[in-house]
Amino acid sequence: MRLLPLLIFALLLSTLLMQRQNILSMQPTASSEQINSAATMFLQYRSAVMAYMSANPTFTGVIPASTLTGIYGQQFSAAFTASTGNAVTAVGSGRQMTVYAALPTGALNTVLQLSGNDASIGLSAGTTWTSQATGVVATAQPLAVAVPAKDVVSVFEIGN
């Protein structure tokens, strides 16, 4: 009988510790939060390039990150812009945009998921890229500019 309060305390403590462990296991890890943030930031950067090109359809070259920041009021961190780039090249009377970034491992799948499996998103091999969208034949396509190998890339065109 004298050990009954100690036994009850031990059972209560073990139950609380198990509940705490269950709650911690359900919370996203820092790694998954970093991947989600990087994927979202990449898609916002790509959207800013698209918006800039809609307003400036004859532009060619590299759109400065400071210019893209003002489009959505989106602040891209210095660390993000250091590993991100874009290039706009003339293709006939149209323009081809190449947007790329060095993202954490696993971010490509999240980018594809968030973009609705956009076929313009893939992986760079330096001078070529391959769409990683599900259901797309993975044929290497030339890049208009050199992009670091293994960077996530999005290539799209406007105009003719």
N, C-alpha and C. Protein backbone atom coordinates (compact mmCIF):
# COMPACT_ATOMS: atom_id res chain seq x y z
N MET A 1 0.80 -1.20 0.00
CA MET A 1 0.00 0.00 0.00
C MET A 1 0.84 1.26 0.00
N ARG A 2 1.99 1.21 0.65
CA ARG A 2 2.82 2.40 0.71
C ARG A 2 3.41 2.73 -0.67
N LEU A 3 3.51 1.77 -1.57
CA LEU A 3 4.08 1.99 -2.89
C LEU A 3 3.02 2.41 -3.93
N LEU A 4 1.76 2.36 -3.57
CA LEU A 4 0.69 2.70 -4.49
C LEU A 4 0.81 4.14 -5.03
N PRO A 5 1.06 5.16 -4.20
CA PRO A 5 1.21 6.52 -4.75
C PRO A 5 2.41 6.62 -5.72
N LEU A 6 3.49 5.93 -5.43
CA LEU A 6 4.65 5.93 -6.31
C LEU A 6 4.33 5.25 -7.63
N LEU A 7 3.60 4.15 -7.59
CA LEU A 7 3.19 3.44 -8.80
C LEU A 7 2.27 4.32 -9.66
N ILE A 8 1.32 5.01 -9.04
CA ILE A 8 0.41 5.90 -9.76
C ILE A 8 1.20 7.04 -10.40
N PHE A 9 2.14 7.60 -9.67
CA PHE A 9 2.98 8.68 -10.20
C PHE A 9 3.79 8.19 -11.40
N ALA A 10 4.36 7.00 -11.33
CA ALA A 10 5.16 6.44 -12.43
C ALA A 10 4.29 6.21 -13.66
N LEU A 11 3.08 5.70 -13.49
CA LEU A 11 2.16 5.48 -14.61
C LEU A 11 1.75 6.81 -15.25
N LEU A 12 1.45 7.79 -14.43
CA LEU A 12 1.07 9.10 -14.94
C LEU A 12 2.22 9.75 -15.71
N LEU A 13 3.42 9.68 -15.16
CA LEU A 13 4.59 10.25 -15.82
C LEU A 13 4.88 9.56 -17.15
N SER A 14 4.80 8.25 -17.19
CA SER A 14 5.06 7.54 -18.45
C SER A 14 3.99 7.86 -19.50
N THR A 15 2.75 8.04 -19.08
CA THR A 15 1.68 8.40 -20.01
C THR A 15 1.94 9.80 -20.59
N LEU A 16 2.32 10.74 -19.75
CA LEU A 16 2.62 12.08 -20.22
C LEU A 16 3.81 12.10 -21.18
N LEU A 17 4.84 11.33 -20.91
CA LEU A 17 6.00 11.27 -21.79
C LEU A 17 5.65 10.65 -23.14
N MET A 18 4.78 9.65 -23.15
CA MET A 18 4.35 9.05 -24.42
C MET A 18 3.54 10.06 -25.23
N GLN A 19 2.66 10.81 -24.59
CA GLN A 19 1.89 11.83 -25.30
C GLN A 19 2.79 12.91 -25.88
N ARG A 20 3.79 13.32 -25.12
CA ARG A 20 4.73 14.32 -25.60
C ARG A 20 5.47 13.81 -26.84
N GLN A 21 5.90 12.56 -26.81
CA GLN A 21 6.61 11.98 -27.95
C GLN A 21 5.70 11.91 -29.19
N ASN A 22 4.45 11.55 -29.00
CA ASN A 22 3.50 11.51 -30.11
C ASN A 22 3.30 12.90 -30.72
N ILE A 23 3.18 13.90 -29.89
CA ILE A 23 3.00 15.27 -30.38
C ILE A 23 4.23 15.72 -31.15
N LEU A 24 5.42 15.46 -30.62
CA LEU A 24 6.66 15.85 -31.30
C LEU A 24 6.82 15.13 -32.64
N SER A 25 6.40 13.88 -32.71
CA SER A 25 6.55 13.14 -33.97
C SER A 25 5.59 13.64 -35.05
N MET A 26 4.51 14.31 -34.66
CA MET A 26 3.56 14.83 -35.63
C MET A 26 3.95 16.20 -36.15
N GLN A 27 4.83 16.92 -35.46
CA GLN A 27 5.25 18.24 -35.90
C GLN A 27 6.25 18.10 -37.04
N PRO A 28 6.17 19.00 -38.02
CA PRO A 28 7.13 18.93 -39.12
C PRO A 28 8.54 19.20 -38.63
N THR A 29 9.48 18.54 -39.24
CA THR A 29 10.87 18.74 -38.86
C THR A 29 11.37 20.04 -39.48
N ALA A 30 12.47 20.52 -38.97
CA ALA A 30 13.07 21.73 -39.53
C ALA A 30 13.42 21.50 -40.99
N SER A 31 13.81 20.28 -41.31
CA SER A 31 14.18 19.96 -42.69
C SER A 31 12.98 20.07 -43.62
N SER A 32 11.84 19.54 -43.22
CA SER A 32 10.66 19.62 -44.09
C SER A 32 10.16 21.06 -44.17
N GLU A 33 10.30 21.83 -43.11
CA GLU A 33 9.92 23.24 -43.16
C GLU A 33 10.84 24.00 -44.10
N GLN A 34 12.14 23.67 -44.06
CA GLN A 34 13.11 24.32 -44.95
C GLN A 34 12.80 23.98 -46.41
N ILE A 35 12.46 22.73 -46.68
CA ILE A 35 12.13 22.30 -48.04
C ILE A 35 10.88 23.02 -48.53
N ASN A 36 9.84 23.06 -47.70
CA ASN A 36 8.59 23.75 -48.09
C ASN A 36 8.83 25.23 -48.35
N SER A 37 9.63 25.85 -47.49
CA SER A 37 9.92 27.27 -47.65
C SER A 37 10.71 27.52 -48.94
N ALA A 38 11.72 26.71 -49.21
CA ALA A 38 12.52 26.87 -50.42
C ALA A 38 11.69 26.66 -51.67
N ALA A 39 10.82 25.64 -51.66
CA ALA A 39 9.96 25.36 -52.81
C ALA A 39 8.99 26.50 -53.06
N THR A 40 8.39 27.01 -52.02
CA THR A 40 7.46 28.13 -52.14
C THR A 40 8.18 29.37 -52.65
N MET A 41 9.37 29.63 -52.11
CA MET A 41 10.15 30.79 -52.52
C MET A 41 10.53 30.69 -54.00
N PHE A 42 10.90 29.48 -54.46
CA PHE A 42 11.25 29.29 -55.87
C PHE A 42 10.06 29.61 -56.77
N LEU A 43 8.89 29.12 -56.40
CA LEU A 43 7.69 29.37 -57.21
C LEU A 43 7.29 30.85 -57.19
N GLN A 44 7.50 31.52 -56.07
CA GLN A 44 7.22 32.95 -56.00
C GLN A 44 8.22 33.73 -56.87
N TYR A 45 9.46 33.31 -56.85
CA TYR A 45 10.49 33.95 -57.69
C TYR A 45 10.14 33.77 -59.17
N ARG A 46 9.75 32.56 -59.53
CA ARG A 46 9.34 32.28 -60.92
C ARG A 46 8.13 33.12 -61.30
N SER A 47 7.17 33.25 -60.41
CA SER A 47 5.99 34.08 -60.67
C SER A 47 6.36 35.54 -60.85
N ALA A 48 7.33 36.01 -60.07
CA ALA A 48 7.79 37.39 -60.20
C ALA A 48 8.45 37.60 -61.56
N VAL A 49 9.22 36.62 -62.04
CA VAL A 49 9.82 36.71 -63.38
C VAL A 49 8.71 36.76 -64.43
N MET A 50 7.70 35.91 -64.28
CA MET A 50 6.58 35.90 -65.23
C MET A 50 5.87 37.25 -65.25
N ALA A 51 5.62 37.80 -64.08
CA ALA A 51 4.92 39.08 -63.98
C ALA A 51 5.77 40.19 -64.60
N TYR A 52 7.06 40.17 -64.36
CA TYR A 52 7.94 41.18 -64.95
C TYR A 52 7.91 41.09 -66.47
N MET A 53 7.96 39.88 -66.98
CA MET A 53 7.97 39.70 -68.43
C MET A 53 6.62 40.06 -69.06
N SER A 54 5.54 39.88 -68.34
CA SER A 54 4.23 40.30 -68.85
C SER A 54 4.20 41.81 -69.02
N ALA A 55 4.86 42.51 -68.10
CA ALA A 55 4.90 43.97 -68.17
C ALA A 55 5.99 44.49 -69.11
N ASN A 56 7.00 43.67 -69.40
CA ASN A 56 8.14 44.08 -70.22
C ASN A 56 8.46 42.99 -71.24
N PRO A 57 7.57 42.75 -72.19
CA PRO A 57 7.72 41.59 -73.08
C PRO A 57 8.92 41.64 -74.04
N THR A 58 9.55 42.78 -74.19
CA THR A 58 10.70 42.86 -75.10
C THR A 58 12.04 42.76 -74.36
N PHE A 59 12.01 42.65 -73.07
CA PHE A 59 13.24 42.60 -72.26
C PHE A 59 14.04 41.34 -72.58
N THR A 60 15.36 41.47 -72.57
CA THR A 60 16.28 40.32 -72.60
C THR A 60 17.38 40.59 -71.60
N GLY A 61 17.94 39.53 -71.06
CA GLY A 61 19.02 39.66 -70.08
C GLY A 61 18.63 39.03 -68.77
N VAL A 62 19.24 39.52 -67.70
CA VAL A 62 18.97 39.02 -66.35
C VAL A 62 18.17 40.08 -65.59
N ILE A 63 17.06 39.66 -65.03
CA ILE A 63 16.23 40.58 -64.23
C ILE A 63 16.83 40.63 -62.83
N PRO A 64 17.26 41.81 -62.36
CA PRO A 64 17.85 41.89 -61.02
C PRO A 64 16.86 41.48 -59.94
N ALA A 65 17.36 40.80 -58.93
CA ALA A 65 16.50 40.35 -57.82
C ALA A 65 15.81 41.52 -57.15
N SER A 66 16.48 42.68 -57.08
CA SER A 66 15.88 43.85 -56.45
C SER A 66 14.65 44.32 -57.22
N THR A 67 14.66 44.15 -58.53
CA THR A 67 13.51 44.51 -59.36
C THR A 67 12.36 43.55 -59.10
N LEU A 68 12.68 42.26 -58.96
CA LEU A 68 11.64 41.24 -58.74
C LEU A 68 11.01 41.38 -57.37
N THR A 69 11.77 41.84 -56.40
CA THR A 69 11.25 42.00 -55.05
C THR A 69 10.07 42.95 -55.02
N GLY A 70 10.13 44.02 -55.80
CA GLY A 70 9.06 45.00 -55.79
C GLY A 70 7.78 44.55 -56.45
N ILE A 71 7.82 43.48 -57.25
CA ILE A 71 6.64 43.07 -58.00
C ILE A 71 5.53 42.56 -57.08
N TYR A 72 5.86 41.70 -56.17
CA TYR A 72 4.86 41.17 -55.24
C TYR A 72 5.02 41.73 -53.85
N GLY A 73 6.03 42.56 -53.65
CA GLY A 73 6.32 43.00 -52.30
C GLY A 73 6.99 41.86 -51.55
N GLN A 74 7.34 40.82 -52.27
CA GLN A 74 7.98 39.64 -51.69
C GLN A 74 9.45 39.94 -51.45
N GLN A 75 9.91 39.72 -50.27
CA GLN A 75 11.32 39.90 -49.97
C GLN A 75 12.02 38.55 -50.10
N PHE A 76 12.93 38.45 -51.04
CA PHE A 76 13.72 37.25 -51.19
C PHE A 76 14.98 37.44 -50.37
N SER A 77 15.28 36.46 -49.54
CA SER A 77 16.46 36.58 -48.67
C SER A 77 17.73 36.61 -49.51
N ALA A 78 18.77 37.18 -48.92
CA ALA A 78 20.06 37.25 -49.60
C ALA A 78 20.59 35.84 -49.87
N ALA A 79 20.36 34.93 -48.93
CA ALA A 79 20.82 33.54 -49.12
C ALA A 79 20.08 32.89 -50.29
N PHE A 80 18.79 33.18 -50.43
CA PHE A 80 18.02 32.61 -51.53
C PHE A 80 18.48 33.19 -52.86
N THR A 81 18.60 34.51 -52.95
CA THR A 81 18.98 35.12 -54.23
C THR A 81 20.43 34.78 -54.61
N ALA A 82 21.26 34.45 -53.63
CA ALA A 82 22.64 34.06 -53.94
C ALA A 82 22.70 32.73 -54.68
N SER A 83 21.69 31.90 -54.48
CA SER A 83 21.68 30.58 -55.14
C SER A 83 20.60 30.48 -56.21
N THR A 84 20.09 31.63 -56.65
CA THR A 84 19.00 31.68 -57.62
C THR A 84 19.40 32.57 -58.79
N GLY A 85 18.83 32.28 -59.94
CA GLY A 85 19.12 33.12 -61.09
C GLY A 85 18.01 33.04 -62.12
N ASN A 86 18.10 33.92 -63.10
CA ASN A 86 17.15 33.93 -64.20
C ASN A 86 17.86 34.47 -65.42
N ALA A 87 17.34 34.13 -66.56
CA ALA A 87 17.86 34.66 -67.82
C ALA A 87 16.71 34.71 -68.81
N VAL A 88 16.64 35.81 -69.55
CA VAL A 88 15.61 35.98 -70.58
C VAL A 88 16.34 36.10 -71.91
N THR A 89 16.02 35.21 -72.82
CA THR A 89 16.67 35.21 -74.14
C THR A 89 15.61 35.34 -75.23
N ALA A 90 16.02 35.95 -76.34
CA ALA A 90 15.11 36.10 -77.48
C ALA A 90 15.01 34.77 -78.22
N VAL A 91 13.77 34.38 -78.55
CA VAL A 91 13.50 33.19 -79.35
C VAL A 91 12.51 33.64 -80.42
N GLY A 92 13.01 33.88 -81.63
CA GLY A 92 12.15 34.46 -82.66
C GLY A 92 11.71 35.82 -82.19
N SER A 93 10.41 36.10 -82.24
CA SER A 93 9.92 37.37 -81.72
C SER A 93 9.44 37.23 -80.27
N GLY A 94 9.60 36.04 -79.71
CA GLY A 94 9.21 35.80 -78.33
C GLY A 94 10.39 35.80 -77.38
N ARG A 95 10.15 35.38 -76.16
CA ARG A 95 11.18 35.33 -75.13
C ARG A 95 11.11 34.00 -74.40
N GLN A 96 12.28 33.46 -74.09
CA GLN A 96 12.36 32.25 -73.27
C GLN A 96 12.94 32.64 -71.92
N MET A 97 12.24 32.28 -70.85
CA MET A 97 12.70 32.56 -69.50
C MET A 97 13.25 31.28 -68.89
N THR A 98 14.40 31.41 -68.28
CA THR A 98 15.01 30.30 -67.54
C THR A 98 15.17 30.79 -66.10
N VAL A 99 14.54 30.11 -65.19
CA VAL A 99 14.62 30.44 -63.77
C VAL A 99 15.22 29.22 -63.08
N TYR A 100 16.21 29.42 -62.22
CA TYR A 100 16.87 28.28 -61.60
C TYR A 100 17.30 28.61 -60.17
N ALA A 101 17.49 27.56 -59.39
CA ALA A 101 17.93 27.72 -58.00
C ALA A 101 18.52 26.42 -57.47
N ALA A 102 19.50 26.57 -56.61
CA ALA A 102 20.04 25.43 -55.87
C ALA A 102 19.16 25.28 -54.63
N LEU A 103 18.33 24.25 -54.64
CA LEU A 103 17.39 24.03 -53.54
C LEU A 103 17.82 22.81 -52.73
N PRO A 104 17.35 22.70 -51.48
CA PRO A 104 17.71 21.54 -50.67
C PRO A 104 17.22 20.24 -51.30
N THR A 105 17.89 19.16 -50.98
CA THR A 105 17.49 17.84 -51.46
C THR A 105 16.03 17.59 -51.08
N GLY A 106 15.25 17.13 -52.03
CA GLY A 106 13.84 16.84 -51.78
C GLY A 106 12.92 17.98 -52.16
N ALA A 107 13.47 19.16 -52.41
CA ALA A 107 12.63 20.32 -52.71
C ALA A 107 11.98 20.22 -54.09
N LEU A 108 12.64 19.54 -55.04
CA LEU A 108 12.07 19.43 -56.39
C LEU A 108 10.70 18.77 -56.34
N ASN A 109 10.56 17.71 -55.57
CA ASN A 109 9.25 17.04 -55.46
C ASN A 109 8.20 17.99 -54.88
N THR A 110 8.59 18.79 -53.91
CA THR A 110 7.66 19.74 -53.31
C THR A 110 7.29 20.83 -54.30
N VAL A 111 8.27 21.31 -55.09
CA VAL A 111 7.98 22.31 -56.12
C VAL A 111 6.97 21.75 -57.11
N LEU A 112 7.18 20.52 -57.54
CA LEU A 112 6.26 19.90 -58.49
C LEU A 112 4.86 19.75 -57.88
N GLN A 113 4.82 19.35 -56.64
CA GLN A 113 3.52 19.18 -55.97
C GLN A 113 2.80 20.52 -55.85
N LEU A 114 3.52 21.55 -55.41
CA LEU A 114 2.90 22.87 -55.24
C LEU A 114 2.50 23.51 -56.57
N SER A 115 3.19 23.15 -57.65
CA SER A 115 2.90 23.75 -58.96
C SER A 115 1.87 22.95 -59.74
N GLY A 116 1.36 21.88 -59.17
CA GLY A 116 0.39 21.06 -59.89
C GLY A 116 1.04 20.22 -60.97
N ASN A 117 2.28 19.78 -60.71
CA ASN A 117 3.03 18.91 -61.64
C ASN A 117 3.33 19.63 -62.96
N ASP A 118 3.77 20.88 -62.85
CA ASP A 118 4.07 21.72 -64.01
C ASP A 118 5.23 21.12 -64.82
N ALA A 119 4.99 20.89 -66.11
CA ALA A 119 6.00 20.27 -66.98
C ALA A 119 7.16 21.20 -67.29
N SER A 120 7.05 22.49 -66.98
CA SER A 120 8.16 23.41 -67.23
C SER A 120 9.21 23.36 -66.12
N ILE A 121 9.00 22.49 -65.15
CA ILE A 121 9.92 22.40 -64.01
C ILE A 121 10.71 21.11 -64.10
N GLY A 122 12.01 21.23 -63.92
CA GLY A 122 12.85 20.04 -64.00
C GLY A 122 14.18 20.23 -63.32
N LEU A 123 15.15 19.50 -63.83
CA LEU A 123 16.48 19.46 -63.23
C LEU A 123 17.52 19.78 -64.30
N SER A 124 18.47 20.63 -63.94
CA SER A 124 19.52 21.04 -64.87
C SER A 124 20.64 20.02 -64.91
N ALA A 125 21.22 19.88 -66.11
CA ALA A 125 22.44 19.08 -66.28
C ALA A 125 23.56 19.99 -66.78
N GLY A 126 23.42 21.29 -66.60
CA GLY A 126 24.43 22.25 -67.04
C GLY A 126 24.00 22.99 -68.29
N THR A 127 24.02 22.30 -69.42
CA THR A 127 23.60 22.93 -70.68
C THR A 127 22.28 22.36 -71.18
N THR A 128 21.75 21.38 -70.48
CA THR A 128 20.44 20.81 -70.81
C THR A 128 19.62 20.69 -69.53
N TRP A 129 18.32 20.48 -69.70
CA TRP A 129 17.45 20.24 -68.56
C TRP A 129 16.43 19.18 -68.95
N THR A 130 15.90 18.53 -67.94
CA THR A 130 14.90 17.48 -68.14
C THR A 130 13.72 17.75 -67.23
N SER A 131 12.52 17.78 -67.81
CA SER A 131 11.32 17.94 -67.00
C SER A 131 11.19 16.76 -66.05
N GLN A 132 10.81 17.04 -64.82
CA GLN A 132 10.64 15.99 -63.82
C GLN A 132 9.16 15.74 -63.50
N ALA A 133 8.28 16.36 -64.27
CA ALA A 133 6.85 16.20 -64.04
C ALA A 133 6.43 14.77 -64.33
N THR A 134 5.53 14.28 -63.55
CA THR A 134 5.00 12.93 -63.73
C THR A 134 4.24 12.86 -65.04
N GLY A 135 4.50 11.81 -65.81
CA GLY A 135 3.80 11.60 -67.07
C GLY A 135 4.44 12.27 -68.26
N VAL A 136 5.54 12.99 -68.05
CA VAL A 136 6.23 13.67 -69.14
C VAL A 136 7.43 12.81 -69.55
N VAL A 137 7.61 12.63 -70.84
CA VAL A 137 8.77 11.88 -71.32
C VAL A 137 10.02 12.68 -70.98
N ALA A 138 10.92 12.07 -70.24
CA ALA A 138 12.11 12.76 -69.75
C ALA A 138 13.19 12.82 -70.82
N THR A 139 13.06 13.78 -71.74
CA THR A 139 14.03 13.99 -72.80
C THR A 139 14.79 15.26 -72.49
N ALA A 140 16.12 15.19 -72.52
CA ALA A 140 16.93 16.36 -72.24
C ALA A 140 16.68 17.44 -73.29
N GLN A 141 16.46 18.65 -72.85
CA GLN A 141 16.22 19.81 -73.71
C GLN A 141 17.36 20.80 -73.51
N PRO A 142 17.77 21.50 -74.57
CA PRO A 142 18.86 22.47 -74.40
C PRO A 142 18.43 23.67 -73.57
N LEU A 143 19.35 24.19 -72.80
CA LEU A 143 19.13 25.43 -72.05
C LEU A 143 19.73 26.59 -72.84
N ALA A 144 19.09 27.72 -72.81
CA ALA A 144 19.59 28.90 -73.52
C ALA A 144 20.80 29.50 -72.81
N VAL A 145 20.95 29.21 -71.52
CA VAL A 145 22.07 29.69 -70.72
C VAL A 145 22.58 28.53 -69.88
N ALA A 146 23.83 28.61 -69.48
CA ALA A 146 24.38 27.57 -68.60
C ALA A 146 23.79 27.73 -67.21
N VAL A 147 23.34 26.62 -66.64
CA VAL A 147 22.76 26.59 -65.30
C VAL A 147 23.52 25.54 -64.51
N PRO A 148 23.89 25.83 -63.27
CA PRO A 148 24.62 24.83 -62.49
C PRO A 148 23.89 23.47 -62.49
N ALA A 149 24.64 22.42 -62.70
CA ALA A 149 24.07 21.07 -62.71
C ALA A 149 23.38 20.78 -61.39
N LYS A 150 22.26 20.08 -61.47
CA LYS A 150 21.43 19.66 -60.35
C LYS A 150 20.60 20.78 -59.74
N ASP A 151 20.63 21.98 -60.35
CA ASP A 151 19.72 23.04 -59.90
C ASP A 151 18.31 22.73 -60.39
N VAL A 152 17.32 23.12 -59.61
CA VAL A 152 15.94 23.05 -60.06
C VAL A 152 15.77 24.18 -61.06
N VAL A 153 15.13 23.88 -62.18
CA VAL A 153 15.00 24.85 -63.25
C VAL A 153 13.56 24.87 -63.76
N SER A 154 13.15 26.05 -64.22
CA SER A 154 11.86 26.20 -64.88
C SER A 154 12.11 26.98 -66.16
N VAL A 155 11.68 26.40 -67.28
CA VAL A 155 11.90 27.02 -68.59
C VAL A 155 10.53 27.21 -69.25
N PHE A 156 10.24 28.44 -69.66
CA PHE A 156 8.95 28.73 -70.29
C PHE A 156 9.13 29.87 -71.27
N GLU A 157 8.17 30.00 -72.19
CA GLU A 157 8.26 31.00 -73.26
C GLU A 157 7.00 31.85 -73.31
N ILE A 158 7.20 33.08 -73.81
CA ILE A 158 6.06 33.94 -74.15
C ILE A 158 6.29 34.44 -75.57
N GLY A 159 5.24 34.76 -76.27
CA GLY A 159 5.36 35.25 -77.63
C GLY A 159 5.63 34.13 -78.61
N ASN A 160 6.02 34.51 -79.83
CA ASN A 160 6.27 33.54 -80.90
C ASN A 160 7.73 33.32 -81.10
